[in-house]
PDB file of N, CA and C in Angstrom:
ATOM      1  N   MET A   1      99.960  78.231  57.092  1.00  0.00           N
ATOM      2  CA  MET A   1     100.501  79.376  56.291  1.00  0.00           C
ATOM      3  C   MET A   1     100.352  80.634  57.192  1.00  0.00           C
ATOM      4  N   LYS A   2      99.320  80.805  58.097  1.00  0.00           N
ATOM      5  CA  LYS A   2      99.388  81.898  58.948  1.00  0.00           C
ATOM      6  C   LYS A   2     100.377  81.922  59.930  1.00  0.00           C
ATOM      7  N   ARG A   3     100.700  80.704  60.505  1.00  0.00           N
ATOM      8  CA  ARG A   3     101.722  80.617  61.461  1.00  0.00           C
ATOM      9  C   ARG A   3     103.122  80.970  60.943  1.00  0.00           C
ATOM     10  N   ARG A   4     103.295  80.623  59.715  1.00  0.00           N
ATOM     11  CA  ARG A   4     104.605  80.871  59.136  1.00  0.00           C
ATOM     12  C   ARG A   4     104.760  82.415  58.812  1.00  0.00           C
ATOM     13  N   ALA A   5     103.660  82.957  58.326  1.00  0.00           N
ATOM     14  CA  ALA A   5     103.756  84.402  58.134  1.00  0.00           C
ATOM     15  C   ALA A   5     103.873  85.234  59.390  1.00  0.00           C
ATOM     16  N   LEU A   6     103.259  84.608  60.577  1.00  0.00           N
ATOM     17  CA  LEU A   6     103.427  85.291  61.817  1.00  0.00           C
ATOM     18  C   LEU A   6     104.772  85.178  62.416  1.00  0.00           C
ATOM     19  N   ALA A   7     105.401  83.966  62.177  1.00  0.00           N
ATOM     20  CA  ALA A   7     106.764  83.692  62.680  1.00  0.00           C
ATOM     21  C   ALA A   7     107.728  84.495  61.894  1.00  0.00           C
ATOM     22  N   LEU A   8     107.556  84.715  60.612  1.00  0.00           N
ATOM     23  CA  LEU A   8     108.460  85.546  59.734  1.00  0.00           C
ATOM     24  C   LEU A   8     108.275  87.053  60.140  1.00  0.00           C
ATOM     25  N   GLY A   9     107.024  87.496  60.461  1.00  0.00           N
ATOM     26  CA  GLY A   9     106.882  88.854  60.844  1.00  0.00           C
ATOM     27  C   GLY A   9     107.605  89.247  62.133  1.00  0.00           C
ATOM     28  N   LEU A  10     107.406  88.204  63.152  1.00  0.00           N
ATOM     29  CA  LEU A  10     108.043  88.380  64.371  1.00  0.00           C
ATOM     30  C   LEU A  10     109.641  88.382  64.306  1.00  0.00           C
ATOM     31  N   ALA A  11     110.116  87.530  63.518  1.00  0.00           N
ATOM     32  CA  ALA A  11     111.545  87.461  63.246  1.00  0.00           C
ATOM     33  C   ALA A  11     112.102  88.655  62.702  1.00  0.00           C
ATOM     34  N   VAL A  12     111.399  89.403  61.690  1.00  0.00           N
ATOM     35  CA  VAL A  12     111.856  90.451  61.134  1.00  0.00           C
ATOM     36  C   VAL A  12     111.816  91.613  62.181  1.00  0.00           C
ATOM     37  N   LEU A  13     110.636  91.656  62.895  1.00  0.00           N
ATOM     38  CA  LEU A  13     110.511  92.674  63.909  1.00  0.00           C
ATOM     39  C   LEU A  13     111.634  92.514  65.013  1.00  0.00           C
ATOM     40  N   ALA A  14     111.988  91.211  65.429  1.00  0.00           N
ATOM     41  CA  ALA A  14     113.021  91.199  66.373  1.00  0.00           C
ATOM     42  C   ALA A  14     114.329  91.577  65.842  1.00  0.00           C
ATOM     43  N   GLY A  15     114.620  91.470  64.582  1.00  0.00           N
ATOM     44  CA  GLY A  15     115.859  91.874  64.034  1.00  0.00           C
ATOM     45  C   GLY A  15     115.982  93.403  63.838  1.00  0.00           C
ATOM     46  N   TRP A  16     114.887  94.030  63.795  1.00  0.00           N
ATOM     47  CA  TRP A  16     114.906  95.492  63.694  1.00  0.00           C
ATOM     48  C   TRP A  16     114.829  96.311  65.081  1.00  0.00           C
ATOM     49  N   LEU A  17     114.552  95.624  66.164  1.00  0.00           N
ATOM     50  CA  LEU A  17     114.489  96.361  67.431  1.00  0.00           C
ATOM     51  C   LEU A  17     115.796  96.895  67.788  1.00  0.00           C
ATOM     52  N   PRO A  18     117.001  96.109  67.729  1.00  0.00           N
ATOM     53  CA  PRO A  18     118.192  96.738  68.155  1.00  0.00           C
ATOM     54  C   PRO A  18     118.590  97.862  67.447  1.00  0.00           C
ATOM     55  N   VAL A  19     118.263  97.950  66.089  1.00  0.00           N
ATOM     56  CA  VAL A  19     118.627  98.986  65.049  1.00  0.00           C
ATOM     57  C   VAL A  19     117.885 100.188  65.438  1.00  0.00           C
ATOM     58  N   VAL A  20     116.632 100.034  65.803  1.00  0.00           N
ATOM     59  CA  VAL A  20     115.714 101.236  66.160  1.00  0.00           C
ATOM     60  C   VAL A  20     116.130 101.791  67.499  1.00  0.00           C
ATOM     61  N   SER A  21     116.471 101.071  68.500  1.00  0.00           N
ATOM     62  CA  SER A  21     116.915 101.584  69.769  1.00  0.00           C
ATOM     63  C   SER A  21     118.225 102.288  69.675  1.00  0.00           C
ATOM     64  N   ALA A  22     119.132 101.793  68.787  1.00  0.00           N
ATOM     65  CA  ALA A  22     120.475 102.380  68.591  1.00  0.00           C
ATOM     66  C   ALA A  22     120.295 103.773  68.028  1.00  0.00           C
ATOM     67  N   THR A  23     119.419 103.862  67.086  1.00  0.00           N
ATOM     68  CA  THR A  23     119.309 105.123  66.338  1.00  0.00           C
ATOM     69  C   THR A  23     118.595 106.219  67.279  1.00  0.00           C
ATOM     70  N   ALA A  24     117.723 105.737  68.220  1.00  0.00           N
ATOM     71  CA  ALA A  24     116.998 106.701  69.092  1.00  0.00           C
ATOM     72  C   ALA A  24     117.987 107.232  70.088  1.00  0.00           C
ATOM     73  N   GLN A  25     119.205 106.837  70.383  1.00  0.00           N
ATOM     74  CA  GLN A  25     120.079 107.323  71.289  1.00  0.00           C
ATOM     75  C   GLN A  25     120.709 108.691  70.870  1.00  0.00           C
ATOM     76  N   GLY A  26     121.006 109.479  71.798  1.00  0.00           N
ATOM     77  CA  GLY A  26     121.674 110.684  71.459  1.00  0.00           C
ATOM     78  C   GLY A  26     123.156 110.463  71.146  1.00  0.00           C
ATOM     79  N   ALA A  27     123.890 111.553  70.757  1.00  0.00           N
ATOM     80  CA  ALA A  27     125.157 111.453  70.512  1.00  0.00           C
ATOM     81  C   ALA A  27     125.998 111.481  71.911  1.00  0.00           C
ATOM     82  N   TYR A  28     127.084 110.446  71.860  1.00  0.00           N
ATOM     83  CA  TYR A  28     127.997 110.214  72.994  1.00  0.00           C
ATOM     84  C   TYR A  28     129.334 110.687  72.776  1.00  0.00           C
ATOM     85  N   PRO A  29     130.003 111.368  73.447  1.00  0.00           N
ATOM     86  CA  PRO A  29     129.504 112.041  74.670  1.00  0.00           C
ATOM     87  C   PRO A  29     128.896 113.396  74.416  1.00  0.00           C
ATOM     88  N   SER A  30     128.175 113.790  75.189  1.00  0.00           N
ATOM     89  CA  SER A  30     127.319 114.977  75.131  1.00  0.00           C
ATOM     90  C   SER A  30     128.048 116.107  76.003  1.00  0.00           C
ATOM     91  N   ARG A  31     128.920 115.721  76.867  1.00  0.00           N
ATOM     92  CA  ARG A  31     129.757 116.587  77.639  1.00  0.00           C
ATOM     93  C   ARG A  31     131.038 115.928  77.926  1.00  0.00           C
ATOM     94  N   PRO A  32     131.885 116.614  78.654  1.00  0.00           N
ATOM     95  CA  PRO A  32     133.216 116.030  78.960  1.00  0.00           C
ATOM     96  C   PRO A  32     133.174 114.766  79.751  1.00  0.00           C
ATOM     97  N   VAL A  33     134.079 113.794  79.360  1.00  0.00           N
ATOM     98  CA  VAL A  33     134.193 112.541  80.241  1.00  0.00           C
ATOM     99  C   VAL A  33     135.137 112.772  81.262  1.00  0.00           C
ATOM    100  N   THR A  34     134.760 112.234  82.459  1.00  0.00           N
ATOM    101  CA  THR A  34     135.603 112.343  83.660  1.00  0.00           C
ATOM    102  C   THR A  34     136.117 110.874  83.878  1.00  0.00           C
ATOM    103  N   LEU A  35     137.514 110.832  83.919  1.00  0.00           N
ATOM    104  CA  LEU A  35     138.051 109.553  84.248  1.00  0.00           C
ATOM    105  C   LEU A  35     138.766 109.598  85.588  1.00  0.00           C
ATOM    106  N   VAL A  36     138.085 108.929  86.603  1.00  0.00           N
ATOM    107  CA  VAL A  36     138.457 109.027  88.058  1.00  0.00           C
ATOM    108  C   VAL A  36     139.472 107.959  88.251  1.00  0.00           C
ATOM    109  N   VAL A  37     140.621 108.518  88.858  1.00  0.00           N
ATOM    110  CA  VAL A  37     141.764 107.588  89.191  1.00  0.00           C
ATOM    111  C   VAL A  37     141.824 107.672  90.765  1.00  0.00           C
ATOM    112  N   PRO A  38     141.410 106.533  91.337  1.00  0.00           N
ATOM    113  CA  PRO A  38     141.311 106.588  92.904  1.00  0.00           C
ATOM    114  C   PRO A  38     142.663 106.417  93.590  1.00  0.00           C
ATOM    115  N   GLN A  39     143.729 106.915  93.004  1.00  0.00           N
ATOM    116  CA  GLN A  39     145.054 107.045  93.652  1.00  0.00           C
ATOM    117  C   GLN A  39     145.620 108.346  93.604  1.00  0.00           C
ATOM    118  N   ALA A  40     146.739 108.637  94.277  1.00  0.00           N
ATOM    119  CA  ALA A  40     147.350 109.939  94.363  1.00  0.00           C
ATOM    120  C   ALA A  40     147.945 110.259  92.988  1.00  0.00           C
ATOM    121  N   ALA A  41     148.063 111.662  92.735  1.00  0.00           N
ATOM    122  CA  ALA A  41     148.672 112.097  91.548  1.00  0.00           C
ATOM    123  C   ALA A  41     150.134 111.794  91.568  1.00  0.00           C
ATOM    124  N   GLY A  42     150.803 111.540  90.413  1.00  0.00           N
ATOM    125  CA  GLY A  42     152.232 111.297  90.161  1.00  0.00           C
ATOM    126  C   GLY A  42     152.618 109.829  90.283  1.00  0.00           C
ATOM    127  N   GLY A  43     151.700 108.969  90.658  1.00  0.00           N
ATOM    128  CA  GLY A  43     152.072 107.621  90.582  1.00  0.00           C
ATOM    129  C   GLY A  43     151.836 106.894  89.374  1.00  0.00           C
ATOM    130  N   THR A  44     152.150 105.616  89.438  1.00  0.00           N
ATOM    131  CA  THR A  44     151.917 104.812  88.124  1.00  0.00           C
ATOM    132  C   THR A  44     150.484 104.829  87.559  1.00  0.00           C
ATOM    133  N   ASN A  45     149.488 104.676  88.547  1.00  0.00           N
ATOM    134  CA  ASN A  45     148.191 104.701  88.069  1.00  0.00           C
ATOM    135  C   ASN A  45     147.776 105.968  87.405  1.00  0.00           C
ATOM    136  N   ASP A  46     148.214 107.066  88.031  1.00  0.00           N
ATOM    137  CA  ASP A  46     147.982 108.460  87.468  1.00  0.00           C
ATOM    138  C   ASP A  46     148.556 108.626  86.055  1.00  0.00           C
ATOM    139  N   ILE A  47     149.725 108.264  85.864  1.00  0.00           N
ATOM    140  CA  ILE A  47     150.285 108.216  84.513  1.00  0.00           C
ATOM    141  C   ILE A  47     149.648 107.469  83.630  1.00  0.00           C
ATOM    142  N   VAL A  48     149.333 106.161  83.989  1.00  0.00           N
ATOM    143  CA  VAL A  48     148.483 105.423  83.017  1.00  0.00           C
ATOM    144  C   VAL A  48     147.214 106.068  82.754  1.00  0.00           C
ATOM    145  N   GLY A  49     146.546 106.454  83.794  1.00  0.00           N
ATOM    146  CA  GLY A  49     145.174 107.037  83.533  1.00  0.00           C
ATOM    147  C   GLY A  49     145.295 108.426  82.641  1.00  0.00           C
ATOM    148  N   ARG A  50     146.241 109.069  82.735  1.00  0.00           N
ATOM    149  CA  ARG A  50     146.460 110.087  81.933  1.00  0.00           C
ATOM    150  C   ARG A  50     146.732 109.852  80.401  1.00  0.00           C
ATOM    151  N   LEU A  51     147.479 108.776  80.243  1.00  0.00           N
ATOM    152  CA  LEU A  51     147.723 108.251  78.797  1.00  0.00           C
ATOM    153  C   LEU A  51     146.353 107.732  78.287  1.00  0.00           C
ATOM    154  N   VAL A  52     145.658 106.933  79.109  1.00  0.00           N
ATOM    155  CA  VAL A  52     144.405 106.312  78.699  1.00  0.00           C
ATOM    156  C   VAL A  52     143.402 107.520  78.394  1.00  0.00           C
ATOM    157  N   GLY A  53     143.381 108.603  79.230  1.00  0.00           N
ATOM    158  CA  GLY A  53     142.465 109.548  79.091  1.00  0.00           C
ATOM    159  C   GLY A  53     142.779 110.368  77.703  1.00  0.00           C
ATOM    160  N   GLN A  54     144.067 110.566  77.326  1.00  0.00           N
ATOM    161  CA  GLN A  54     144.430 111.243  76.213  1.00  0.00           C
ATOM    162  C   GLN A  54     143.932 110.421  74.910  1.00  0.00           C
ATOM    163  N   LYS A  55     144.285 109.093  75.000  1.00  0.00           N
ATOM    164  CA  LYS A  55     143.894 108.320  73.853  1.00  0.00           C
ATOM    165  C   LYS A  55     142.457 108.281  73.818  1.00  0.00           C
ATOM    166  N   LEU A  56     141.834 108.152  74.951  1.00  0.00           N
ATOM    167  CA  LEU A  56     140.266 108.099  74.889  1.00  0.00           C
ATOM    168  C   LEU A  56     139.641 109.375  74.342  1.00  0.00           C
ATOM    169  N   GLY A  57     140.282 110.594  74.624  1.00  0.00           N
ATOM    170  CA  GLY A  57     139.738 111.700  74.106  1.00  0.00           C
ATOM    171  C   GLY A  57     139.975 111.838  72.609  1.00  0.00           C
ATOM    172  N   GLU A  58     141.020 111.228  72.052  1.00  0.00           N
ATOM    173  CA  GLU A  58     141.174 111.236  70.671  1.00  0.00           C
ATOM    174  C   GLU A  58     140.211 110.308  69.903  1.00  0.00           C
ATOM    175  N   VAL A  59     139.988 109.131  70.573  1.00  0.00           N
ATOM    176  CA  VAL A  59     138.995 108.224  70.009  1.00  0.00           C
ATOM    177  C   VAL A  59     137.504 108.895  70.057  1.00  0.00           C
ATOM    178  N   LEU A  60     137.160 109.398  71.143  1.00  0.00           N
ATOM    179  CA  LEU A  60     135.873 109.815  71.186  1.00  0.00           C
ATOM    180  C   LEU A  60     135.605 111.214  70.667  1.00  0.00           C
ATOM    181  N   ASN A  61     136.794 112.013  70.381  1.00  0.00           N
ATOM    182  CA  ASN A  61     136.724 113.334  69.826  1.00  0.00           C
ATOM    183  C   ASN A  61     136.085 114.233  70.925  1.00  0.00           C
ATOM    184  N   ALA A  62     136.471 114.103  72.036  1.00  0.00           N
ATOM    185  CA  ALA A  62     135.750 114.831  73.274  1.00  0.00           C
ATOM    186  C   ALA A  62     136.784 115.076  74.370  1.00  0.00           C
ATOM    187  N   ALA A  63     136.523 116.033  75.150  1.00  0.00           N
ATOM    188  CA  ALA A  63     137.423 116.252  76.278  1.00  0.00           C
ATOM    189  C   ALA A  63     137.196 115.263  77.380  1.00  0.00           C
ATOM    190  N   VAL A  64     138.447 114.755  77.888  1.00  0.00           N
ATOM    191  CA  VAL A  64     138.352 113.810  78.926  1.00  0.00           C
ATOM    192  C   VAL A  64     139.319 114.439  80.074  1.00  0.00           C
ATOM    193  N   VAL A  65     138.626 114.549  81.223  1.00  0.00           N
ATOM    194  CA  VAL A  65     139.300 115.071  82.476  1.00  0.00           C
ATOM    195  C   VAL A  65     139.657 113.951  83.372  1.00  0.00           C
ATOM    196  N   VAL A  66     141.009 113.967  83.854  1.00  0.00           N
ATOM    197  CA  VAL A  66     141.422 112.997  84.616  1.00  0.00           C
ATOM    198  C   VAL A  66     141.368 113.516  86.134  1.00  0.00           C
ATOM    199  N   ASP A  67     140.591 112.888  87.009  1.00  0.00           N
ATOM    200  CA  ASP A  67     140.316 113.361  88.210  1.00  0.00           C
ATOM    201  C   ASP A  67     140.970 112.404  89.335  1.00  0.00           C
ATOM    202  N   ASN A  68     141.999 112.807  89.983  1.00  0.00           N
ATOM    203  CA  ASN A  68     142.511 111.985  91.056  1.00  0.00           C
ATOM    204  C   ASN A  68     141.749 112.069  92.370  1.00  0.00           C
ATOM    205  N   ARG A  69     141.293 110.916  93.000  1.00  0.00           N
ATOM    206  CA  ARG A  69     140.641 110.984  94.234  1.00  0.00           C
ATOM    207  C   ARG A  69     141.128 109.925  95.133  1.00  0.00           C
ATOM    208  N   PRO A  70     142.302 110.237  95.645  1.00  0.00           N
ATOM    209  CA  PRO A  70     142.910 109.226  96.598  1.00  0.00           C
ATOM    210  C   PRO A  70     142.191 109.327  97.967  1.00  0.00           C
ATOM    211  N   GLY A  71     142.559 108.100  98.641  1.00  0.00           N
ATOM    212  CA  GLY A  71     141.966 108.084  99.959  1.00  0.00           C
ATOM    213  C   GLY A  71     141.185 106.810 100.261  1.00  0.00           C
ATOM    214  N   ALA A  72     141.347 106.223 101.597  1.00  0.00           N
ATOM    215  CA  ALA A  72     140.509 105.176 101.850  1.00  0.00           C
ATOM    216  C   ALA A  72     140.670 103.861 101.011  1.00  0.00           C
ATOM    217  N   GLY A  73     142.036 103.696 100.587  1.00  0.00           N
ATOM    218  CA  GLY A  73     142.250 102.621  99.870  1.00  0.00           C
ATOM    219  C   GLY A  73     141.604 102.554  98.405  1.00  0.00           C
ATOM    220  N   GLY A  74     141.224 103.616  97.926  1.00  0.00           N
ATOM    221  CA  GLY A  74     140.486 103.856  96.701  1.00  0.00           C
ATOM    222  C   GLY A  74     139.082 103.895  96.709  1.00  0.00           C
ATOM    223  N   ASN A  75     138.480 103.729  97.964  1.00  0.00           N
ATOM    224  CA  ASN A  75     136.968 103.731  98.153  1.00  0.00           C
ATOM    225  C   ASN A  75     136.399 105.102  97.871  1.00  0.00           C
ATOM    226  N   ILE A  76     137.108 106.306  98.050  1.00  0.00           N
ATOM    227  CA  ILE A  76     136.532 107.565  97.873  1.00  0.00           C
ATOM    228  C   ILE A  76     136.220 107.736  96.282  1.00  0.00           C
ATOM    229  N   GLY A  77     137.333 107.427  95.509  1.00  0.00           N
ATOM    230  CA  GLY A  77     136.972 107.661  94.131  1.00  0.00           C
ATOM    231  C   GLY A  77     135.955 106.701  93.513  1.00  0.00           C
ATOM    232  N   THR A  78     135.964 105.347  93.967  1.00  0.00           N
ATOM    233  CA  THR A  78     135.064 104.421  93.674  1.00  0.00           C
ATOM    234  C   THR A  78     133.606 104.700  93.987  1.00  0.00           C
ATOM    235  N   GLN A  79     133.514 105.226  95.271  1.00  0.00           N
ATOM    236  CA  GLN A  79     132.115 105.686  95.570  1.00  0.00           C
ATOM    237  C   GLN A  79     131.546 106.909  94.702  1.00  0.00           C
ATOM    238  N   LEU A  80     132.516 107.832  94.428  1.00  0.00           N
ATOM    239  CA  LEU A  80     132.252 108.913  93.532  1.00  0.00           C
ATOM    240  C   LEU A  80     131.551 108.413  92.234  1.00  0.00           C
ATOM    241  N   VAL A  81     132.220 107.383  91.571  1.00  0.00           N
ATOM    242  CA  VAL A  81     131.849 106.944  90.424  1.00  0.00           C
ATOM    243  C   VAL A  81     130.553 106.236  90.610  1.00  0.00           C
ATOM    244  N   ALA A  82     130.401 105.391  91.652  1.00  0.00           N
ATOM    245  CA  ALA A  82     129.176 104.511  91.842  1.00  0.00           C
ATOM    246  C   ALA A  82     128.003 105.358  91.955  1.00  0.00           C
ATOM    247  N   LYS A  83     128.154 106.555  92.650  1.00  0.00           N
ATOM    248  CA  LYS A  83     126.998 107.504  92.954  1.00  0.00           C
ATOM    249  C   LYS A  83     126.710 108.412  91.738  1.00  0.00           C
ATOM    250  N   ALA A  84     127.565 108.396  90.798  1.00  0.00           N
ATOM    251  CA  ALA A  84     127.391 109.249  89.653  1.00  0.00           C
ATOM    252  C   ALA A  84     126.117 108.743  88.711  1.00  0.00           C
ATOM    253  N   PRO A  85     125.496 109.687  87.937  1.00  0.00           N
ATOM    254  CA  PRO A  85     124.460 109.392  87.078  1.00  0.00           C
ATOM    255  C   PRO A  85     125.058 108.215  86.037  1.00  0.00           C
ATOM    256  N   LYS A  86     124.306 107.300  85.780  1.00  0.00           N
ATOM    257  CA  LYS A  86     124.595 106.028  84.935  1.00  0.00           C
ATOM    258  C   LYS A  86     124.715 106.450  83.442  1.00  0.00           C
ATOM    259  N   ASP A  87     125.225 107.476  83.041  1.00  0.00           N
ATOM    260  CA  ASP A  87     125.177 107.873  81.517  1.00  0.00           C
ATOM    261  C   ASP A  87     126.579 107.618  80.836  1.00  0.00           C
ATOM    262  N   GLY A  88     127.519 107.053  81.498  1.00  0.00           N
ATOM    263  CA  GLY A  88     128.812 106.847  80.832  1.00  0.00           C
ATOM    264  C   GLY A  88     129.848 107.958  80.682  1.00  0.00           C
ATOM    265  N   HIS A  89     129.420 109.053  81.478  1.00  0.00           N
ATOM    266  CA  HIS A  89     130.306 110.280  81.526  1.00  0.00           C
ATOM    267  C   HIS A  89     131.324 110.283  82.486  1.00  0.00           C
ATOM    268  N   MET A  90     131.226 109.326  83.396  1.00  0.00           N
ATOM    269  CA  MET A  90     132.207 109.244  84.571  1.00  0.00           C
ATOM    270  C   MET A  90     132.699 107.778  84.607  1.00  0.00           C
ATOM    271  N   LEU A  91     133.933 107.628  84.441  1.00  0.00           N
ATOM    272  CA  LEU A  91     134.548 106.336  84.340  1.00  0.00           C
ATOM    273  C   LEU A  91     135.556 106.181  85.443  1.00  0.00           C
ATOM    274  N   LEU A  92     135.880 104.835  85.860  1.00  0.00           N
ATOM    275  CA  LEU A  92     136.708 104.517  86.912  1.00  0.00           C
ATOM    276  C   LEU A  92     137.962 103.802  86.312  1.00  0.00           C
ATOM    277  N   MET A  93     139.200 104.404  86.631  1.00  0.00           N
ATOM    278  CA  MET A  93     140.344 103.762  86.223  1.00  0.00           C
ATOM    279  C   MET A  93     140.790 102.676  87.092  1.00  0.00           C
TER     280      MET A  93
END
């Protein structure tokens, strides 16, 4: 009897943990989102990045800044995103 009650209690607790952690998070995004395109402006990737940024801004109801960082075969933009804080406000296209 005690084992069943303990198992049931643990199952209920495990079911509530994701809900509690999700409600403890702040609103996203709390500042403008930066979409880094590691290619030069005016190319196909830039055009697609701007279209994606516009749609993303509508979905998130937030400002999305498209930032072109060409050079070194895309490594400059990729390193910028890799070194950014891991809060989801800087994305790589």
